[in-house]
C-alpha atoms as a PDB file:
ATOM      1  CA  MET A   1     -33.493  -4.987 -69.001  1.00  0.00           C
ATOM      2  CA  PRO A   2     -35.181  -8.601 -68.942  1.00  0.00           C
ATOM      3  CA  THR A   3     -33.734 -11.651 -67.664  1.00  0.00           C
ATOM      4  CA  TYR A   4     -33.809 -14.492 -70.042  1.00  0.00           C
ATOM      5  CA  GLU A   5     -33.466 -18.062 -69.139  1.00  0.00           C
ATOM      6  CA  TYR A   6     -31.592 -20.504 -71.090  1.00  0.00           C
ATOM      7  CA  GLU A   7     -31.264 -24.406 -71.119  1.00  0.00           C
ATOM      8  CA  CYS A   8     -28.738 -26.823 -72.654  1.00  0.00           C
ATOM      9  CA  GLY A   9     -29.992 -29.351 -74.750  1.00  0.00           C
ATOM     10  CA  SER A  10     -27.069 -31.726 -73.923  1.00  0.00           C
ATOM     11  CA  CYS A  11     -26.010 -31.576 -70.279  1.00  0.00           C
ATOM     12  CA  GLY A  12     -29.444 -29.956 -69.008  1.00  0.00           C
ATOM     13  CA  ASN A  13     -27.813 -27.024 -67.278  1.00  0.00           C
ATOM     14  CA  ARG A  14     -30.353 -24.095 -66.827  1.00  0.00           C
ATOM     15  CA  PHE A  15     -28.996 -20.436 -66.545  1.00  0.00           C
ATOM     16  CA  GLU A  16     -30.239 -16.958 -66.702  1.00  0.00           C
ATOM     17  CA  LYS A  17     -28.891 -13.990 -68.529  1.00  0.00           C
ATOM     18  CA  PHE A  18     -29.560 -10.336 -67.865  1.00  0.00           C
ATOM     19  CA  GLN A  19     -29.593  -8.578 -71.393  1.00  0.00           C
ATOM     20  CA  SER A  20     -31.069  -6.030 -73.407  1.00  0.00           C
ATOM     21  CA  MET A  21     -33.710  -7.032 -75.687  1.00  0.00           C
ATOM     22  CA  SER A  22     -31.680  -5.883 -78.738  1.00  0.00           C
ATOM     23  CA  ASP A  23     -28.680  -8.372 -77.598  1.00  0.00           C
ATOM     24  CA  GLN A  24     -28.139 -11.363 -79.665  1.00  0.00           C
ATOM     25  CA  PRO A  25     -29.461 -14.457 -77.612  1.00  0.00           C
ATOM     26  CA  VAL A  26     -26.857 -16.940 -76.067  1.00  0.00           C
ATOM     27  CA  LYS A  27     -25.948 -19.901 -78.305  1.00  0.00           C
ATOM     28  CA  THR A  28     -23.521 -21.935 -76.305  1.00  0.00           C
ATOM     29  CA  CYS A  29     -23.802 -23.486 -72.868  1.00  0.00           C
ATOM     30  CA  PRO A  30     -21.162 -21.837 -70.353  1.00  0.00           C
ATOM     31  CA  LYS A  31     -20.562 -25.401 -68.736  1.00  0.00           C
ATOM     32  CA  CYS A  32     -20.208 -27.686 -71.884  1.00  0.00           C
ATOM     33  CA  GLY A  33     -20.167 -25.459 -74.895  1.00  0.00           C
ATOM     34  CA  GLU A  34     -23.400 -27.221 -76.617  1.00  0.00           C
ATOM     35  CA  GLN A  35     -26.124 -25.233 -78.115  1.00  0.00           C
ATOM     36  CA  VAL A  36     -28.707 -23.667 -75.914  1.00  0.00           C
ATOM     37  CA  HIS A  37     -32.316 -22.749 -76.378  1.00  0.00           C
ATOM     38  CA  ARG A  38     -34.263 -19.884 -74.588  1.00  0.00           C
ATOM     39  CA  VAL A  39     -37.015 -21.138 -72.287  1.00  0.00           C
ATOM     40  CA  ILE A  40     -40.182 -19.464 -72.423  1.00  0.00           C
ATOM     41  CA  ASN A  41     -41.644 -18.880 -68.747  1.00  0.00           C
ATOM     42  CA  GLY A  42     -44.661 -17.082 -67.265  1.00  0.00           C
ATOM     43  CA  GLY A  43     -42.563 -14.035 -66.050  1.00  0.00           C
ATOM     44  CA  LEU A  44     -43.547 -12.214 -62.674  1.00  0.00           C
ATOM     45  CA  GLY A  45     -47.089 -11.785 -63.150  1.00  0.00           C
ATOM     46  CA  VAL A  46     -49.178  -9.021 -62.345  1.00  0.00           C
ATOM     47  CA  ILE A  47     -48.562  -6.481 -59.542  1.00  0.00           C
ATOM     48  CA  PHE A  48     -51.846  -4.711 -58.230  1.00  0.00           C
ATOM     49  CA  LYS A  49     -51.371  -1.145 -56.974  1.00  0.00           C
ATOM     50  CA  GLY A  50     -53.893   1.039 -55.554  1.00  0.00           C
ATOM     51  CA  PRO A  51     -57.230   0.500 -53.763  1.00  0.00           C
ATOM     52  CA  GLY A  52     -59.864  -2.241 -54.554  1.00  0.00           C
ATOM     53  CA  PHE A  53     -57.543  -5.370 -54.352  1.00  0.00           C
ATOM     54  CA  TYR A  54     -57.902  -6.314 -50.560  1.00  0.00           C
ATOM     55  CA  VAL A  55     -60.739  -8.091 -48.902  1.00  0.00           C
ATOM     56  CA  THR A  56     -61.154  -5.237 -46.710  1.00  0.00           C
ATOM     57  CA  ASP A  57     -61.648  -3.028 -49.652  1.00  0.00           C
ATOM     58  CA  ASN A  58     -64.838  -4.751 -50.949  1.00  0.00           C
ATOM     59  CA  HIS A  59     -67.780  -2.788 -50.682  1.00  0.00           C
ATOM     60  CA  SER A  60     -70.378  -5.350 -50.416  1.00  0.00           C
ATOM     61  CA  THR A  61     -73.583  -4.989 -48.249  1.00  0.00           C
ATOM     62  CA  GLY A  62     -74.952  -6.779 -45.370  1.00  0.00           C
ATOM     63  CA  SER A  63     -73.835 -10.032 -43.974  1.00  0.00           C
ATOM     64  CA  GLU A  64     -71.509 -10.538 -47.144  1.00  0.00           C
ATOM     65  CA  LYS A  65     -68.811  -8.464 -45.280  1.00  0.00           C
ATOM     66  CA  SER A  66     -65.939 -10.330 -44.215  1.00  0.00           C
ATOM     67  CA  GLU A  67     -65.249 -11.162 -40.743  1.00  0.00           C
ATOM     68  CA  SER A  68     -61.891  -9.237 -41.041  1.00  0.00           C
ATOM     69  CA  ALA A  69     -63.453  -6.000 -42.144  1.00  0.00           C
ATOM     70  CA  ARG A  70     -65.408  -5.796 -38.978  1.00  0.00           C
ATOM     71  CA  PRO A  71     -64.009  -4.136 -35.829  1.00  0.00           C
ATOM     72  CA  LYS A  72     -63.468  -6.811 -33.163  1.00  0.00           C
ATOM     73  CA  LYS A  73     -65.268  -6.319 -29.907  1.00  0.00           C
ATOM     74  CA  GLU A  74     -61.898  -5.844 -28.141  1.00  0.00           C
ATOM     75  CA  GLU A  75     -60.656  -3.143 -30.311  1.00  0.00           C
ATOM     76  CA  THR A  76     -63.671  -0.990 -29.650  1.00  0.00           C
ATOM     77  CA  ALA A  77     -62.775   2.308 -27.421  1.00  0.00           C
ATOM     78  CA  LYS A  78     -64.151   2.229 -24.028  1.00  0.00           C
ATOM     79  CA  PRO A  79     -65.951   5.595 -22.939  1.00  0.00           C
ATOM     80  CA  GLU A  80     -63.701   7.657 -20.404  1.00  0.00           C
ATOM     81  CA  SER A  81     -64.922   8.533 -16.767  1.00  0.00           C
ATOM     82  CA  SER A  82     -65.326  12.159 -15.995  1.00  0.00           C
ATOM     83  CA  THR A  83     -62.231  12.137 -13.699  1.00  0.00           C
ATOM     84  CA  GLN A  84     -60.074  10.737 -16.667  1.00  0.00           C
ATOM     85  CA  ALA A  85     -61.278  13.215 -19.189  1.00  0.00           C
ATOM     86  CA  ASN A  86     -60.731  15.997 -16.523  1.00  0.00           C
ATOM     87  CA  ALA A  87     -57.187  14.600 -15.806  1.00  0.00           C
ATOM     88  CA  LYS A  88     -56.000  14.477 -19.535  1.00  0.00           C
ATOM     89  CA  ALA A  89     -57.794  18.000 -20.035  1.00  0.00           C
ATOM     90  CA  ASN A  90     -55.721  19.491 -17.157  1.00  0.00           C
ATOM     91  CA  THR A  91     -52.374  17.786 -18.524  1.00  0.00           C
ATOM     92  CA  SER A  92     -53.127  19.428 -21.788  1.00  0.00           C
ATOM     93  CA  ALA A  93     -53.645  22.610 -20.535  1.00  0.00           C
ATOM     94  CA  ASN A  94     -50.716  22.553 -18.132  1.00  0.00           C
ATOM     95  CA  SER A  95     -48.316  21.459 -21.152  1.00  0.00           C
ATOM     96  CA  ALA A  96     -49.730  24.281 -23.224  1.00  0.00           C
ATOM     97  CA  LYS A  97     -49.232  26.942 -20.568  1.00  0.00           C
ATOM     98  CA  ALA A  98     -45.460  25.659 -20.136  1.00  0.00           C
ATOM     99  CA  ASN A  99     -45.036  25.655 -23.747  1.00  0.00           C
ATOM    100  CA  ALA A 100     -46.165  29.242 -23.860  1.00  0.00           C
ATOM    101  CA  GLU A 101     -43.962  30.422 -20.985  1.00  0.00           C
ATOM    102  CA  VAL A 102     -40.819  28.869 -22.680  1.00  0.00           C
ATOM    103  CA  LYS A 103     -41.672  30.839 -25.702  1.00  0.00           C
ATOM    104  CA  THR A 104     -42.251  34.022 -23.911  1.00  0.00           C
ATOM    105  CA  GLU A 105     -38.716  33.292 -22.221  1.00  0.00           C
ATOM    106  CA  LYS A 106     -37.182  32.825 -25.512  1.00  0.00           C
ATOM    107  CA  THR A 107     -38.550  35.803 -27.140  1.00  0.00           C
ATOM    108  CA  ARG A 108     -37.567  38.007 -24.091  1.00  0.00           C
ATOM    109  CA  LYS A 109     -33.743  36.670 -24.278  1.00  0.00           C
ATOM    110  CA  VAL A 110     -33.894  37.392 -28.260  1.00  0.00           C
ATOM    111  CA  LYS A 111     -34.900  40.842 -27.740  1.00  0.00           C
ATOM    112  CA  GLU A 112     -32.546  41.568 -25.030  1.00  0.00           C
ATOM    113  CA  LYS A 113     -29.616  40.426 -27.344  1.00  0.00           C
ATOM    114  CA  ILE A 114     -31.296  42.603 -30.000  1.00  0.00           C
ATOM    115  CA  GLU A 115     -31.034  45.655 -27.838  1.00  0.00           C
END
């Protein structure tokens, strides 16, 4: 249901009324009781949804790309040293092993309950 805007011709009061399109228009001002007329306005405008409406969605070539679409030098990933990579791999392996042990223990307990 749309919201209609009305204006009083005598007192200048502007007000909005939320009503169905099939409802009769308001004829009297709620403040002074004189005749009102509906104000025609531009509405809400267009709402763009989906890709293609942002600066970063522009598929232009070469130097036409905007600065915001390019990654900044500070944001680029630094290469890891081999010791850092090994430490991460060991941590991942240890946590995977610990998870497997916990699952095995839970499975053993469930089997004991069943028997």
